[in-house]
Amino acid sequence: KTQRAKASAARAARKEARQAEAAAEALK
């Protein structure tokens, strides 16, 4: 369960980072 939770949190963090990059690119 902890491995699945870590993997899920890592996927969420990567998704947020991609969204932040997209927002920064749109702002630029």
mmCIF file of all heavy atoms, coordinates in Angstrom:
data_MODEL
# 
_entry.id   MODEL 
# 
loop_
_atom_site.group_PDB 
_atom_site.id 
_atom_site.type_symbol 
_atom_site.label_atom_id 
_atom_site.label_alt_id 
_atom_site.label_comp_id 
_atom_site.label_asym_id 
_atom_site.label_entity_id 
_atom_site.label_seq_id 
_atom_site.pdbx_PDB_ins_code 
_atom_site.Cartn_x 
_atom_site.Cartn_y 
_atom_site.Cartn_z 
_atom_site.occupancy 
_atom_site.B_iso_or_equiv 
_atom_site.pdbx_formal_charge 
_atom_site.auth_seq_id 
_atom_site.auth_comp_id 
_atom_site.auth_asym_id 
_atom_site.auth_atom_id 
_atom_site.pdbx_PDB_model_num 
ATOM 1   N N   . LYS A 1 1  ? 0.827  -1.211 0.000   1.00 0.00 ? 1  LYS A N   1 
ATOM 2   C CA  . LYS A 1 1  ? 0.000  0.000  0.000   1.00 0.00 ? 1  LYS A CA  1 
ATOM 3   C C   . LYS A 1 1  ? 0.857  1.254  0.000   1.00 0.00 ? 1  LYS A C   1 
ATOM 4   O O   . LYS A 1 1  ? 0.535  2.233  -0.668  1.00 0.00 ? 1  LYS A O   1 
ATOM 5   C CB  . LYS A 1 1  ? -0.918 0.009  1.219   1.00 0.00 ? 1  LYS A CB  1 
ATOM 6   C CG  . LYS A 1 1  ? -2.042 -0.988 1.131   1.00 0.00 ? 1  LYS A CG  1 
ATOM 7   C CD  . LYS A 1 1  ? -2.943 -0.893 2.339   1.00 0.00 ? 1  LYS A CD  1 
ATOM 8   C CE  . LYS A 1 1  ? -4.061 -1.911 2.265   1.00 0.00 ? 1  LYS A CE  1 
ATOM 9   N NZ  . LYS A 1 1  ? -4.943 -1.842 3.436   1.00 0.00 ? 1  LYS A NZ  1 
ATOM 10  N N   . THR A 1 2  ? 1.975  1.223  0.736   1.00 0.00 ? 2  THR A N   1 
ATOM 11  C CA  . THR A 1 2  ? 2.833  2.413  0.775   1.00 0.00 ? 2  THR A CA  1 
ATOM 12  C C   . THR A 1 2  ? 3.504  2.648  -0.570  1.00 0.00 ? 2  THR A C   1 
ATOM 13  O O   . THR A 1 2  ? 3.640  3.788  -1.003  1.00 0.00 ? 2  THR A O   1 
ATOM 14  C CB  . THR A 1 2  ? 3.910  2.276  1.866   1.00 0.00 ? 2  THR A CB  1 
ATOM 15  O OG1 . THR A 1 2  ? 4.634  1.060  1.650   1.00 0.00 ? 2  THR A OG1 1 
ATOM 16  C CG2 . THR A 1 2  ? 3.300  2.257  3.241   1.00 0.00 ? 2  THR A CG2 1 
ATOM 17  N N   . GLN A 1 3  ? 3.882  1.564  -1.263  1.00 0.00 ? 3  GLN A N   1 
ATOM 18  C CA  . GLN A 1 3  ? 4.482  1.728  -2.587  1.00 0.00 ? 3  GLN A CA  1 
ATOM 19  C C   . GLN A 1 3  ? 3.468  2.301  -3.568  1.00 0.00 ? 3  GLN A C   1 
ATOM 20  O O   . GLN A 1 3  ? 3.795  3.173  -4.368  1.00 0.00 ? 3  GLN A O   1 
ATOM 21  C CB  . GLN A 1 3  ? 4.999  0.392  -3.105  1.00 0.00 ? 3  GLN A CB  1 
ATOM 22  C CG  . GLN A 1 3  ? 6.237  -0.104 -2.405  1.00 0.00 ? 3  GLN A CG  1 
ATOM 23  C CD  . GLN A 1 3  ? 6.635  -1.485 -2.860  1.00 0.00 ? 3  GLN A CD  1 
ATOM 24  O OE1 . GLN A 1 3  ? 5.792  -2.291 -3.238  1.00 0.00 ? 3  GLN A OE1 1 
ATOM 25  N NE2 . GLN A 1 3  ? 7.920  -1.770 -2.821  1.00 0.00 ? 3  GLN A NE2 1 
ATOM 26  N N   . ARG A 1 4  ? 2.228  1.817  -3.494  1.00 0.00 ? 4  ARG A N   1 
ATOM 27  C CA  . ARG A 1 4  ? 1.186  2.356  -4.381  1.00 0.00 ? 4  ARG A CA  1 
ATOM 28  C C   . ARG A 1 4  ? 0.908  3.811  -4.063  1.00 0.00 ? 4  ARG A C   1 
ATOM 29  O O   . ARG A 1 4  ? 0.711  4.630  -4.966  1.00 0.00 ? 4  ARG A O   1 
ATOM 30  C CB  . ARG A 1 4  ? -0.083 1.519  -4.268  1.00 0.00 ? 4  ARG A CB  1 
ATOM 31  C CG  . ARG A 1 4  ? 0.040  0.145  -4.893  1.00 0.00 ? 4  ARG A CG  1 
ATOM 32  C CD  . ARG A 1 4  ? -1.302 -0.529 -5.001  1.00 0.00 ? 4  ARG A CD  1 
ATOM 33  N NE  . ARG A 1 4  ? -1.968 -0.678 -3.720  1.00 0.00 ? 4  ARG A NE  1 
ATOM 34  C CZ  . ARG A 1 4  ? -2.079 -1.804 -3.029  1.00 0.00 ? 4  ARG A CZ  1 
ATOM 35  N NH1 . ARG A 1 4  ? -1.557 -2.900 -3.504  1.00 0.00 ? 4  ARG A NH1 1 
ATOM 36  N NH2 . ARG A 1 4  ? -2.712 -1.841 -1.883  1.00 0.00 ? 4  ARG A NH2 1 
ATOM 37  N N   . ALA A 1 5  ? 0.893  4.151  -2.780  1.00 0.00 ? 5  ALA A N   1 
ATOM 38  C CA  . ALA A 1 5  ? 0.638  5.544  -2.383  1.00 0.00 ? 5  ALA A CA  1 
ATOM 39  C C   . ALA A 1 5  ? 1.769  6.456  -2.848  1.00 0.00 ? 5  ALA A C   1 
ATOM 40  O O   . ALA A 1 5  ? 1.527  7.557  -3.347  1.00 0.00 ? 5  ALA A O   1 
ATOM 41  C CB  . ALA A 1 5  ? 0.477  5.635  -0.868  1.00 0.00 ? 5  ALA A CB  1 
ATOM 42  N N   . LYS A 1 6  ? 3.022  5.989  -2.713  1.00 0.00 ? 6  LYS A N   1 
ATOM 43  C CA  . LYS A 1 6  ? 4.159  6.791  -3.178  1.00 0.00 ? 6  LYS A CA  1 
ATOM 44  C C   . LYS A 1 6  ? 4.098  6.992  -4.685  1.00 0.00 ? 6  LYS A C   1 
ATOM 45  O O   . LYS A 1 6  ? 4.353  8.086  -5.184  1.00 0.00 ? 6  LYS A O   1 
ATOM 46  C CB  . LYS A 1 6  ? 5.471  6.113  -2.799  1.00 0.00 ? 6  LYS A CB  1 
ATOM 47  C CG  . LYS A 1 6  ? 5.812  6.212  -1.341  1.00 0.00 ? 6  LYS A CG  1 
ATOM 48  C CD  . LYS A 1 6  ? 7.116  5.502  -1.047  1.00 0.00 ? 6  LYS A CD  1 
ATOM 49  C CE  . LYS A 1 6  ? 7.464  5.534  0.423   1.00 0.00 ? 6  LYS A CE  1 
ATOM 50  N NZ  . LYS A 1 6  ? 8.704  4.806  0.705   1.00 0.00 ? 6  LYS A NZ  1 
ATOM 51  N N   . ALA A 1 7  ? 3.772  5.932  -5.415  1.00 0.00 ? 7  ALA A N   1 
ATOM 52  C CA  . ALA A 1 7  ? 3.687  6.050  -6.872  1.00 0.00 ? 7  ALA A CA  1 
ATOM 53  C C   . ALA A 1 7  ? 2.582  7.016  -7.272  1.00 0.00 ? 7  ALA A C   1 
ATOM 54  O O   . ALA A 1 7  ? 2.753  7.829  -8.183  1.00 0.00 ? 7  ALA A O   1 
ATOM 55  C CB  . ALA A 1 7  ? 3.453  4.675  -7.491  1.00 0.00 ? 7  ALA A CB  1 
ATOM 56  N N   . SER A 1 8  ? 1.450  6.947  -6.575  1.00 0.00 ? 8  SER A N   1 
ATOM 57  C CA  . SER A 1 8  ? 0.338  7.845  -6.869  1.00 0.00 ? 8  SER A CA  1 
ATOM 58  C C   . SER A 1 8  ? 0.715  9.295  -6.574  1.00 0.00 ? 8  SER A C   1 
ATOM 59  O O   . SER A 1 8  ? 0.416  10.201 -7.357  1.00 0.00 ? 8  SER A O   1 
ATOM 60  C CB  . SER A 1 8  ? -0.877 7.438  -6.043  1.00 0.00 ? 8  SER A CB  1 
ATOM 61  O OG  . SER A 1 8  ? -1.946 8.313  -6.275  1.00 0.00 ? 8  SER A OG  1 
ATOM 62  N N   . ALA A 1 9  ? 1.397  9.520  -5.456  1.00 0.00 ? 9  ALA A N   1 
ATOM 63  C CA  . ALA A 1 9  ? 1.821  10.880 -5.108  1.00 0.00 ? 9  ALA A CA  1 
ATOM 64  C C   . ALA A 1 9  ? 2.832  11.403 -6.118  1.00 0.00 ? 9  ALA A C   1 
ATOM 65  O O   . ALA A 1 9  ? 2.788  12.585 -6.503  1.00 0.00 ? 9  ALA A O   1 
ATOM 66  C CB  . ALA A 1 9  ? 2.422  10.896 -3.705  1.00 0.00 ? 9  ALA A CB  1 
ATOM 67  N N   . ALA A 1 10 ? 3.719  10.532 -6.586  1.00 0.00 ? 10 ALA A N   1 
ATOM 68  C CA  . ALA A 1 10 ? 4.711  10.956 -7.577  1.00 0.00 ? 10 ALA A CA  1 
ATOM 69  C C   . ALA A 1 10 ? 4.031  11.332 -8.887  1.00 0.00 ? 10 ALA A C   1 
ATOM 70  O O   . ALA A 1 10 ? 4.391  12.324 -9.526  1.00 0.00 ? 10 ALA A O   1 
ATOM 71  C CB  . ALA A 1 10 ? 5.733  9.851  -7.810  1.00 0.00 ? 10 ALA A CB  1 
ATOM 72  N N   . ARG A 1 11 ? 3.033  10.533 -9.296  1.00 0.00 ? 11 ARG A N   1 
ATOM 73  C CA  . ARG A 1 11 ? 2.291  10.865 -10.530 1.00 0.00 ? 11 ARG A CA  1 
ATOM 74  C C   . ARG A 1 11 ? 1.580  12.201 -10.386 1.00 0.00 ? 11 ARG A C   1 
ATOM 75  O O   . ARG A 1 11 ? 1.577  13.030 -11.303 1.00 0.00 ? 11 ARG A O   1 
ATOM 76  C CB  . ARG A 1 11 ? 1.289  9.760  -10.858 1.00 0.00 ? 11 ARG A CB  1 
ATOM 77  C CG  . ARG A 1 11 ? 1.893  8.538  -11.475 1.00 0.00 ? 11 ARG A CG  1 
ATOM 78  C CD  . ARG A 1 11 ? 0.836  7.619  -12.063 1.00 0.00 ? 11 ARG A CD  1 
ATOM 79  N NE  . ARG A 1 11 ? -0.124 7.175  -11.070 1.00 0.00 ? 11 ARG A NE  1 
ATOM 80  C CZ  . ARG A 1 11 ? 0.008  6.099  -10.298 1.00 0.00 ? 11 ARG A CZ  1 
ATOM 81  N NH1 . ARG A 1 11 ? 1.090  5.361  -10.414 1.00 0.00 ? 11 ARG A NH1 1 
ATOM 82  N NH2 . ARG A 1 11 ? -0.913 5.756  -9.435  1.00 0.00 ? 11 ARG A NH2 1 
ATOM 83  N N   . ALA A 1 12 ? 0.962  12.443 -9.224  1.00 0.00 ? 12 ALA A N   1 
ATOM 84  C CA  . ALA A 1 12 ? 0.265  13.713 -8.992  1.00 0.00 ? 12 ALA A CA  1 
ATOM 85  C C   . ALA A 1 12 ? 1.242  14.882 -9.029  1.00 0.00 ? 12 ALA A C   1 
ATOM 86  O O   . ALA A 1 12 ? 0.939  15.939 -9.599  1.00 0.00 ? 12 ALA A O   1 
ATOM 87  C CB  . ALA A 1 12 ? -0.473 13.671 -7.655  1.00 0.00 ? 12 ALA A CB  1 
ATOM 88  N N   . ALA A 1 13 ? 2.414  14.693 -8.443  1.00 0.00 ? 13 ALA A N   1 
ATOM 89  C CA  . ALA A 1 13 ? 3.412  15.771 -8.441  1.00 0.00 ? 13 ALA A CA  1 
ATOM 90  C C   . ALA A 1 13 ? 3.889  16.075 -9.853  1.00 0.00 ? 13 ALA A C   1 
ATOM 91  O O   . ALA A 1 13 ? 4.053  17.241 -10.229 1.00 0.00 ? 13 ALA A O   1 
ATOM 92  C CB  . ALA A 1 13 ? 4.590  15.387 -7.547  1.00 0.00 ? 13 ALA A CB  1 
ATOM 93  N N   . ARG A 1 14 ? 4.116  15.008 -10.650 1.00 0.00 ? 14 ARG A N   1 
ATOM 94  C CA  . ARG A 1 14 ? 4.538  15.231 -12.040 1.00 0.00 ? 14 ARG A CA  1 
ATOM 95  C C   . ARG A 1 14 ? 3.446  15.946 -12.838 1.00 0.00 ? 14 ARG A C   1 
ATOM 96  O O   . ARG A 1 14 ? 3.726  16.826 -13.636 1.00 0.00 ? 14 ARG A O   1 
ATOM 97  C CB  . ARG A 1 14 ? 4.889  13.897 -12.704 1.00 0.00 ? 14 ARG A CB  1 
ATOM 98  C CG  . ARG A 1 14 ? 6.205  13.319 -12.243 1.00 0.00 ? 14 ARG A CG  1 
ATOM 99  C CD  . ARG A 1 14 ? 6.663  12.179 -13.132 1.00 0.00 ? 14 ARG A CD  1 
ATOM 100 N NE  . ARG A 1 14 ? 5.725  11.087 -13.219 1.00 0.00 ? 14 ARG A NE  1 
ATOM 101 C CZ  . ARG A 1 14 ? 5.731  10.007 -12.425 1.00 0.00 ? 14 ARG A CZ  1 
ATOM 102 N NH1 . ARG A 1 14 ? 6.649  9.890  -11.491 1.00 0.00 ? 14 ARG A NH1 1 
ATOM 103 N NH2 . ARG A 1 14 ? 4.841  9.058  -12.591 1.00 0.00 ? 14 ARG A NH2 1 
ATOM 104 N N   . LYS A 1 15 ? 2.192  15.586 -12.577 1.00 0.00 ? 15 LYS A N   1 
ATOM 105 C CA  . LYS A 1 15 ? 1.080  16.225 -13.281 1.00 0.00 ? 15 LYS A CA  1 
ATOM 106 C C   . LYS A 1 15 ? 1.003  17.714 -12.916 1.00 0.00 ? 15 LYS A C   1 
ATOM 107 O O   . LYS A 1 15 ? 0.834  18.566 -13.795 1.00 0.00 ? 15 LYS A O   1 
ATOM 108 C CB  . LYS A 1 15 ? -0.230 15.529 -12.920 1.00 0.00 ? 15 LYS A CB  1 
ATOM 109 C CG  . LYS A 1 15 ? -1.423 16.042 -13.680 1.00 0.00 ? 15 LYS A CG  1 
ATOM 110 C CD  . LYS A 1 15 ? -2.663 15.252 -13.338 1.00 0.00 ? 15 LYS A CD  1 
ATOM 111 C CE  . LYS A 1 15 ? -3.877 15.774 -14.089 1.00 0.00 ? 15 LYS A CE  1 
ATOM 112 N NZ  . LYS A 1 15 ? -5.088 15.023 -13.738 1.00 0.00 ? 15 LYS A NZ  1 
ATOM 113 N N   . GLU A 1 16 ? 1.163  18.027 -11.627 1.00 0.00 ? 16 GLU A N   1 
ATOM 114 C CA  . GLU A 1 16 ? 1.140  19.426 -11.200 1.00 0.00 ? 16 GLU A CA  1 
ATOM 115 C C   . GLU A 1 16 ? 2.303  20.206 -11.807 1.00 0.00 ? 16 GLU A C   1 
ATOM 116 O O   . GLU A 1 16 ? 2.140  21.351 -12.221 1.00 0.00 ? 16 GLU A O   1 
ATOM 117 C CB  . GLU A 1 16 ? 1.197  19.517 -9.679  1.00 0.00 ? 16 GLU A CB  1 
ATOM 118 C CG  . GLU A 1 16 ? -0.084 19.089 -8.995  1.00 0.00 ? 16 GLU A CG  1 
ATOM 119 C CD  . GLU A 1 16 ? 0.021  19.139 -7.485  1.00 0.00 ? 16 GLU A CD  1 
ATOM 120 O OE1 . GLU A 1 16 ? 0.964  19.774 -6.965  1.00 0.00 ? 16 GLU A OE1 1 
ATOM 121 O OE2 . GLU A 1 16 ? -0.845 18.555 -6.820  1.00 0.00 ? 16 GLU A OE2 1 
ATOM 122 N N   . ALA A 1 17 ? 3.465  19.573 -11.886 1.00 0.00 ? 17 ALA A N   1 
ATOM 123 C CA  . ALA A 1 17 ? 4.627  20.249 -12.475 1.00 0.00 ? 17 ALA A CA  1 
ATOM 124 C C   . ALA A 1 17 ? 4.382  20.544 -13.952 1.00 0.00 ? 17 ALA A C   1 
ATOM 125 O O   . ALA A 1 17 ? 4.725  21.631 -14.439 1.00 0.00 ? 17 ALA A O   1 
ATOM 126 C CB  . ALA A 1 17 ? 5.874  19.391 -12.307 1.00 0.00 ? 17 ALA A CB  1 
ATOM 127 N N   . ARG A 1 18 ? 3.794  19.577 -14.666 1.00 0.00 ? 18 ARG A N   1 
ATOM 128 C CA  . ARG A 1 18 ? 3.484  19.813 -16.090 1.00 0.00 ? 18 ARG A CA  1 
ATOM 129 C C   . ARG A 1 18 ? 2.476  20.940 -16.252 1.00 0.00 ? 18 ARG A C   1 
ATOM 130 O O   . ARG A 1 18 ? 2.600  21.777 -17.149 1.00 0.00 ? 18 ARG A O   1 
ATOM 131 C CB  . ARG A 1 18 ? 2.946  18.533 -16.727 1.00 0.00 ? 18 ARG A CB  1 
ATOM 132 C CG  . ARG A 1 18 ? 4.003  17.506 -17.024 1.00 0.00 ? 18 ARG A CG  1 
ATOM 133 C CD  . ARG A 1 18 ? 3.493  16.415 -17.921 1.00 0.00 ? 18 ARG A CD  1 
ATOM 134 N NE  . ARG A 1 18 ? 2.338  15.726 -17.381 1.00 0.00 ? 18 ARG A NE  1 
ATOM 135 C CZ  . ARG A 1 18 ? 2.376  14.597 -16.669 1.00 0.00 ? 18 ARG A CZ  1 
ATOM 136 N NH1 . ARG A 1 18 ? 3.520  14.034 -16.413 1.00 0.00 ? 18 ARG A NH1 1 
ATOM 137 N NH2 . ARG A 1 18 ? 1.278  14.044 -16.228 1.00 0.00 ? 18 ARG A NH2 1 
ATOM 138 N N   . GLN A 1 19 ? 1.470  20.976 -15.371 1.00 0.00 ? 19 GLN A N   1 
ATOM 139 C CA  . GLN A 1 19 ? 0.477  22.043 -15.450 1.00 0.00 ? 19 GLN A CA  1 
ATOM 140 C C   . GLN A 1 19 ? 1.112  23.402 -15.143 1.00 0.00 ? 19 GLN A C   1 
ATOM 141 O O   . GLN A 1 19 ? 0.791  24.401 -15.788 1.00 0.00 ? 19 GLN A O   1 
ATOM 142 C CB  . GLN A 1 19 ? -0.672 21.771 -14.485 1.00 0.00 ? 19 GLN A CB  1 
ATOM 143 C CG  . GLN A 1 19 ? -1.562 20.616 -14.917 1.00 0.00 ? 19 GLN A CG  1 
ATOM 144 C CD  . GLN A 1 19 ? -2.619 20.270 -13.888 1.00 0.00 ? 19 GLN A CD  1 
ATOM 145 O OE1 . GLN A 1 19 ? -2.549 20.708 -12.744 1.00 0.00 ? 19 GLN A OE1 1 
ATOM 146 N NE2 . GLN A 1 19 ? -3.594 19.473 -14.289 1.00 0.00 ? 19 GLN A NE2 1 
ATOM 147 N N   . ALA A 1 20 ? 2.012  23.445 -14.173 1.00 0.00 ? 20 ALA A N   1 
ATOM 148 C CA  . ALA A 1 20 ? 2.688  24.703 -13.838 1.00 0.00 ? 20 ALA A CA  1 
ATOM 149 C C   . ALA A 1 20 ? 3.561  25.166 -14.999 1.00 0.00 ? 20 ALA A C   1 
ATOM 150 O O   . ALA A 1 20 ? 3.595  26.362 -15.321 1.00 0.00 ? 20 ALA A O   1 
ATOM 151 C CB  . ALA A 1 20 ? 3.532  24.530 -12.576 1.00 0.00 ? 20 ALA A CB  1 
ATOM 152 N N   . GLU A 1 21 ? 4.250  24.230 -15.648 1.00 0.00 ? 21 GLU A N   1 
ATOM 153 C CA  . GLU A 1 21 ? 5.067  24.583 -16.814 1.00 0.00 ? 21 GLU A CA  1 
ATOM 154 C C   . GLU A 1 21 ? 4.198  25.116 -17.947 1.00 0.00 ? 21 GLU A C   1 
ATOM 155 O O   . GLU A 1 21 ? 4.547  26.092 -18.607 1.00 0.00 ? 21 GLU A O   1 
ATOM 156 C CB  . GLU A 1 21 ? 5.857  23.371 -17.294 1.00 0.00 ? 21 GLU A CB  1 
ATOM 157 C CG  . GLU A 1 21 ? 7.002  22.995 -16.395 1.00 0.00 ? 21 GLU A CG  1 
ATOM 158 C CD  . GLU A 1 21 ? 7.709  21.737 -16.869 1.00 0.00 ? 21 GLU A CD  1 
ATOM 159 O OE1 . GLU A 1 21 ? 7.395  21.252 -17.970 1.00 0.00 ? 21 GLU A OE1 1 
ATOM 160 O OE2 . GLU A 1 21 ? 8.569  21.252 -16.131 1.00 0.00 ? 21 GLU A OE2 1 
ATOM 161 N N   . ALA A 1 22 ? 3.057  24.471 -18.171 1.00 0.00 ? 22 ALA A N   1 
ATOM 162 C CA  . ALA A 1 22 ? 2.158  24.921 -19.227 1.00 0.00 ? 22 ALA A CA  1 
ATOM 163 C C   . ALA A 1 22 ? 1.629  26.322 -18.918 1.00 0.00 ? 22 ALA A C   1 
ATOM 164 O O   . ALA A 1 22 ? 1.531  27.171 -19.815 1.00 0.00 ? 22 ALA A O   1 
ATOM 165 C CB  . ALA A 1 22 ? 1.010  23.933 -19.399 1.00 0.00 ? 22 ALA A CB  1 
ATOM 166 N N   . ALA A 1 23 ? 1.283  26.561 -17.657 1.00 0.00 ? 23 ALA A N   1 
ATOM 167 C CA  . ALA A 1 23 ? 0.789  27.882 -17.270 1.00 0.00 ? 23 ALA A CA  1 
ATOM 168 C C   . ALA A 1 23 ? 1.878  28.942 -17.440 1.00 0.00 ? 23 ALA A C   1 
ATOM 169 O O   . ALA A 1 23 ? 1.608  30.047 -17.918 1.00 0.00 ? 23 ALA A O   1 
ATOM 170 C CB  . ALA A 1 23 ? 0.301  27.851 -15.820 1.00 0.00 ? 23 ALA A CB  1 
ATOM 171 N N   . ALA A 1 24 ? 3.113  28.599 -17.059 1.00 0.00 ? 24 ALA A N   1 
ATOM 172 C CA  . ALA A 1 24 ? 4.216  29.546 -17.214 1.00 0.00 ? 24 ALA A CA  1 
ATOM 173 C C   . ALA A 1 24 ? 4.471  29.839 -18.690 1.00 0.00 ? 24 ALA A C   1 
ATOM 174 O O   . ALA A 1 24 ? 4.726  30.985 -19.075 1.00 0.00 ? 24 ALA A O   1 
ATOM 175 C CB  . ALA A 1 24 ? 5.487  28.987 -16.552 1.00 0.00 ? 24 ALA A CB  1 
ATOM 176 N N   . GLU A 1 25 ? 4.404  28.813 -19.511 1.00 0.00 ? 25 GLU A N   1 
ATOM 177 C CA  . GLU A 1 25 ? 4.599  28.997 -20.960 1.00 0.00 ? 25 GLU A CA  1 
ATOM 178 C C   . GLU A 1 25 ? 3.495  29.874 -21.549 1.00 0.00 ? 25 GLU A C   1 
ATOM 179 O O   . GLU A 1 25 ? 3.752  30.765 -22.358 1.00 0.00 ? 25 GLU A O   1 
ATOM 180 C CB  . GLU A 1 25 ? 4.629  27.629 -21.657 1.00 0.00 ? 25 GLU A CB  1 
ATOM 181 C CG  . GLU A 1 25 ? 4.966  27.698 -23.118 1.00 0.00 ? 25 GLU A CG  1 
ATOM 182 C CD  . GLU A 1 25 ? 6.388  28.188 -23.365 1.00 0.00 ? 25 GLU A CD  1 
ATOM 183 O OE1 . GLU A 1 25 ? 7.275  27.947 -22.532 1.00 0.00 ? 25 GLU A OE1 1 
ATOM 184 O OE2 . GLU A 1 25 ? 6.596  28.817 -24.418 1.00 0.00 ? 25 GLU A OE2 1 
ATOM 185 N N   . ALA A 1 26 ? 2.252  29.639 -21.125 1.00 0.00 ? 26 ALA A N   1 
ATOM 186 C CA  . ALA A 1 26 ? 1.144  30.460 -21.617 1.00 0.00 ? 26 ALA A CA  1 
ATOM 187 C C   . ALA A 1 26 ? 1.317  31.915 -21.173 1.00 0.00 ? 26 ALA A C   1 
ATOM 188 O O   . ALA A 1 26 ? 1.041  32.843 -21.942 1.00 0.00 ? 26 ALA A O   1 
ATOM 189 C CB  . ALA A 1 26 ? -0.178 29.904 -21.098 1.00 0.00 ? 26 ALA A CB  1 
ATOM 190 N N   . LEU A 1 27 ? 1.787  32.107 -19.943 1.00 0.00 ? 27 LEU A N   1 
ATOM 191 C CA  . LEU A 1 27 ? 2.016  33.461 -19.447 1.00 0.00 ? 27 LEU A CA  1 
ATOM 192 C C   . LEU A 1 27 ? 3.108  34.161 -20.242 1.00 0.00 ? 27 LEU A C   1 
ATOM 193 O O   . LEU A 1 27 ? 2.969  35.326 -20.615 1.00 0.00 ? 27 LEU A O   1 
ATOM 194 C CB  . LEU A 1 27 ? 2.394  33.418 -17.963 1.00 0.00 ? 27 LEU A CB  1 
ATOM 195 C CG  . LEU A 1 27 ? 2.628  34.762 -17.284 1.00 0.00 ? 27 LEU A CG  1 
ATOM 196 C CD1 . LEU A 1 27 ? 1.363  35.604 -17.308 1.00 0.00 ? 27 LEU A CD1 1 
ATOM 197 C CD2 . LEU A 1 27 ? 3.094  34.557 -15.857 1.00 0.00 ? 27 LEU A CD2 1 
ATOM 198 N N   . LYS A 1 28 ? 4.182  33.418 -20.548 1.00 0.00 ? 28 LYS A N   1 
ATOM 199 C CA  . LYS A 1 28 ? 5.260  33.999 -21.357 1.00 0.00 ? 28 LYS A CA  1 
ATOM 200 C C   . LYS A 1 28 ? 4.758  34.397 -22.739 1.00 0.00 ? 28 LYS A C   1 
ATOM 201 O O   . LYS A 1 28 ? 5.091  35.464 -23.260 1.00 0.00 ? 28 LYS A O   1 
ATOM 202 C CB  . LYS A 1 28 ? 6.416  33.007 -21.499 1.00 0.00 ? 28 LYS A CB  1 
ATOM 203 C CG  . LYS A 1 28 ? 7.274  32.877 -20.282 1.00 0.00 ? 28 LYS A CG  1 
ATOM 204 C CD  . LYS A 1 28 ? 8.403  31.898 -20.531 1.00 0.00 ? 28 LYS A CD  1 
ATOM 205 C CE  . LYS A 1 28 ? 9.250  31.672 -19.313 1.00 0.00 ? 28 LYS A CE  1 
ATOM 206 N NZ  . LYS A 1 28 ? 10.324 30.696 -19.565 1.00 0.00 ? 28 LYS A NZ  1 
# 
